[in-house]
Structure formats: structure tokens, C-alpha cells
């Protein structure tokens, strides 16, 4: 199963078990949005940099 397919519970459990990082999960979702949004046009704007920065901050907080 790809990271972008995880439900909230599975994502939380995977993060807690350190199977992947918040940055990896966020990047998987960003990649999926890039792949599919041209077909469906779900986003007017998409702050990839902001999302990755928030994910990095989450990883840093979890590590502390």
C-alpha cells in the first residue's frame, strides 16, 4: 500500500512506529496531488512548501 492510500489511523500508527516520517507521508500526498489534480482540478492553490515545512516541524517535535 502506498503512503497516500493510508487512512488517518494507519498514518498515525505508522508515524508512531517510525515506519515513515511526516515528511515522507506529506511528500507522498503531494506527489499524488501532482499526479491527479490535472485530471480533476481539485485545488486552486496548493502550498507544497508550507506543507513540507509543517511536516518537518512535526518530525522535529516528535524527535525531541
N, C-alpha and C. Protein backbone atom coordinates (compact mmCIF):
# COMPACT_ATOMS: atom_id res chain seq x y z
N UNK A 1 0.84 -1.17 0.00
CA UNK A 1 0.00 0.00 0.00
C UNK A 1 0.89 1.24 0.00
N UNK A 2 0.57 2.18 -0.83
CA UNK A 2 1.31 3.44 -0.89
C UNK A 2 0.92 4.34 0.27
N UNK A 3 1.83 5.19 0.67
CA UNK A 3 1.57 6.08 1.81
C UNK A 3 0.34 6.95 1.58
N UNK A 4 0.11 7.40 0.34
CA UNK A 4 -1.05 8.26 0.10
C UNK A 4 -2.38 7.53 0.26
N UNK A 5 -2.35 6.22 0.34
CA UNK A 5 -3.57 5.43 0.50
C UNK A 5 -3.93 5.16 1.96
N UNK A 6 -3.06 5.53 2.88
CA UNK A 6 -3.32 5.26 4.29
C UNK A 6 -4.47 6.09 4.83
N UNK A 7 -5.24 5.49 5.71
CA UNK A 7 -6.24 6.23 6.45
C UNK A 7 -5.57 6.98 7.59
N UNK A 8 -6.34 7.80 8.28
CA UNK A 8 -5.78 8.60 9.37
C UNK A 8 -5.19 7.71 10.46
N UNK A 9 -5.92 6.67 10.85
CA UNK A 9 -5.42 5.78 11.90
C UNK A 9 -4.13 5.09 11.47
N UNK A 10 -4.11 4.58 10.25
CA UNK A 10 -2.91 3.89 9.76
C UNK A 10 -1.72 4.85 9.67
N UNK A 11 -1.98 6.07 9.24
CA UNK A 11 -0.90 7.06 9.16
C UNK A 11 -0.37 7.38 10.55
N UNK A 12 -1.27 7.59 11.50
CA UNK A 12 -0.85 7.90 12.88
C UNK A 12 -0.04 6.75 13.47
N UNK A 13 -0.50 5.52 13.26
CA UNK A 13 0.21 4.36 13.78
C UNK A 13 1.58 4.21 13.12
N UNK A 14 1.66 4.44 11.83
CA UNK A 14 2.93 4.34 11.12
C UNK A 14 3.92 5.40 11.58
N UNK A 15 3.42 6.61 11.81
CA UNK A 15 4.28 7.67 12.33
C UNK A 15 4.78 7.32 13.73
N UNK A 16 3.88 6.84 14.58
CA UNK A 16 4.25 6.48 15.95
C UNK A 16 5.28 5.35 15.97
N UNK A 17 5.15 4.41 15.04
CA UNK A 17 6.07 3.28 14.97
C UNK A 17 7.34 3.61 14.19
N UNK A 18 7.43 4.84 13.72
CA UNK A 18 8.58 5.30 12.94
C UNK A 18 8.81 4.48 11.68
N UNK A 19 7.70 4.03 11.06
CA UNK A 19 7.79 3.32 9.79
C UNK A 19 8.09 4.29 8.65
N UNK A 20 7.71 5.55 8.83
CA UNK A 20 7.96 6.62 7.88
C UNK A 20 7.86 7.93 8.64
N UNK A 21 8.35 8.98 8.03
CA UNK A 21 8.32 10.30 8.66
C UNK A 21 7.14 11.12 8.15
N UNK A 22 6.87 12.20 8.84
CA UNK A 22 5.83 13.13 8.38
C UNK A 22 6.18 13.71 7.02
N UNK A 23 7.47 13.97 6.81
CA UNK A 23 7.91 14.50 5.52
C UNK A 23 7.65 13.48 4.41
N UNK A 24 7.96 12.22 4.67
CA UNK A 24 7.71 11.17 3.66
C UNK A 24 6.22 11.05 3.35
N UNK A 25 5.40 11.07 4.38
CA UNK A 25 3.95 10.97 4.19
C UNK A 25 3.43 12.17 3.41
N UNK A 26 3.87 13.35 3.80
CA UNK A 26 3.43 14.57 3.12
C UNK A 26 3.89 14.58 1.66
N UNK A 27 5.12 14.16 1.41
CA UNK A 27 5.62 14.13 0.04
C UNK A 27 4.83 13.15 -0.81
N UNK A 28 4.45 12.02 -0.24
CA UNK A 28 3.64 11.04 -0.97
C UNK A 28 2.29 11.66 -1.37
N UNK A 29 1.71 12.43 -0.48
CA UNK A 29 0.43 13.07 -0.78
C UNK A 29 0.61 14.16 -1.83
N UNK A 30 1.68 14.95 -1.70
CA UNK A 30 1.97 15.97 -2.70
C UNK A 30 2.16 15.33 -4.07
N UNK A 31 2.90 14.25 -4.14
CA UNK A 31 3.12 13.55 -5.41
C UNK A 31 1.81 13.07 -6.01
N UNK A 32 0.92 12.59 -5.16
CA UNK A 32 -0.38 12.11 -5.63
C UNK A 32 -1.22 13.28 -6.16
N UNK A 33 -1.18 14.39 -5.46
CA UNK A 33 -1.91 15.58 -5.93
C UNK A 33 -1.37 16.01 -7.29
N UNK A 34 -0.05 16.07 -7.42
CA UNK A 34 0.55 16.44 -8.71
C UNK A 34 0.11 15.49 -9.82
N UNK A 35 0.05 14.21 -9.49
CA UNK A 35 -0.31 13.19 -10.47
C UNK A 35 -1.76 13.30 -10.93
N UNK A 36 -2.66 13.59 -10.00
CA UNK A 36 -4.09 13.52 -10.31
C UNK A 36 -4.80 14.86 -10.49
N UNK A 37 -4.25 15.95 -9.96
CA UNK A 37 -5.01 17.19 -9.98
C UNK A 37 -5.25 17.73 -11.38
N UNK A 38 -4.38 17.42 -12.31
CA UNK A 38 -4.62 17.85 -13.69
C UNK A 38 -5.90 17.27 -14.25
N UNK A 39 -6.27 16.08 -13.81
CA UNK A 39 -7.49 15.42 -14.27
C UNK A 39 -8.74 15.95 -13.57
N UNK A 40 -8.59 16.26 -12.28
CA UNK A 40 -9.80 16.59 -11.50
C UNK A 40 -9.88 18.05 -11.07
N UNK A 41 -8.78 18.77 -11.08
CA UNK A 41 -8.80 20.19 -10.74
C UNK A 41 -9.36 20.50 -9.37
N UNK A 42 -8.92 19.76 -8.36
CA UNK A 42 -9.47 19.92 -7.01
C UNK A 42 -8.91 21.12 -6.26
N UNK A 43 -7.75 21.61 -6.66
CA UNK A 43 -7.08 22.67 -5.90
C UNK A 43 -6.91 23.93 -6.75
N UNK A 44 -7.25 25.07 -6.16
CA UNK A 44 -6.94 26.35 -6.79
C UNK A 44 -5.51 26.72 -6.47
N UNK A 45 -5.12 26.53 -5.22
CA UNK A 45 -3.74 26.74 -4.80
C UNK A 45 -3.33 25.57 -3.93
N UNK A 46 -2.05 25.32 -3.90
CA UNK A 46 -1.55 24.19 -3.13
C UNK A 46 -0.17 24.58 -2.62
N UNK A 47 -0.04 24.75 -1.32
CA UNK A 47 1.19 25.23 -0.70
C UNK A 47 2.11 24.05 -0.34
N UNK A 48 2.80 23.55 -1.33
CA UNK A 48 3.69 22.41 -1.11
C UNK A 48 4.79 22.74 -0.11
N UNK A 49 5.40 23.89 -0.25
CA UNK A 49 6.49 24.28 0.64
C UNK A 49 6.00 24.40 2.08
N UNK A 50 4.85 25.01 2.27
CA UNK A 50 4.27 25.14 3.61
C UNK A 50 3.94 23.79 4.22
N UNK A 51 3.41 22.89 3.42
CA UNK A 51 3.08 21.55 3.90
C UNK A 51 4.33 20.80 4.32
N UNK A 52 5.38 20.88 3.50
CA UNK A 52 6.63 20.19 3.84
C UNK A 52 7.30 20.81 5.06
N UNK A 53 7.22 22.13 5.20
CA UNK A 53 7.78 22.78 6.38
C UNK A 53 7.04 22.36 7.65
N UNK A 54 5.72 22.26 7.57
CA UNK A 54 4.94 21.80 8.72
C UNK A 54 5.26 20.35 9.06
N UNK A 55 5.44 19.51 8.04
CA UNK A 55 5.80 18.12 8.26
C UNK A 55 7.17 18.00 8.92
N UNK A 56 8.11 18.81 8.48
CA UNK A 56 9.45 18.81 9.08
C UNK A 56 9.38 19.24 10.54
N UNK A 57 8.58 20.25 10.83
CA UNK A 57 8.42 20.71 12.21
C UNK A 57 7.79 19.60 13.07
N UNK A 58 6.86 18.87 12.50
CA UNK A 58 6.25 17.75 13.22
C UNK A 58 7.28 16.66 13.50
N UNK A 59 8.09 16.33 12.51
CA UNK A 59 9.15 15.33 12.72
C UNK A 59 10.14 15.79 13.79
N UNK A 60 10.50 17.07 13.75
CA UNK A 60 11.44 17.61 14.74
C UNK A 60 10.84 17.53 16.15
N UNK A 61 9.56 17.87 16.27
CA UNK A 61 8.90 17.81 17.59
C UNK A 61 8.81 16.38 18.09
N UNK A 62 8.52 15.45 17.20
CA UNK A 62 8.42 14.04 17.58
C UNK A 62 9.78 13.50 18.03
N UNK A 63 10.85 14.00 17.44
CA UNK A 63 12.19 13.53 17.76
C UNK A 63 12.69 14.11 19.10
N UNK A 64 12.13 15.25 19.48
CA UNK A 64 12.60 15.92 20.72
C UNK A 64 12.08 15.25 21.98
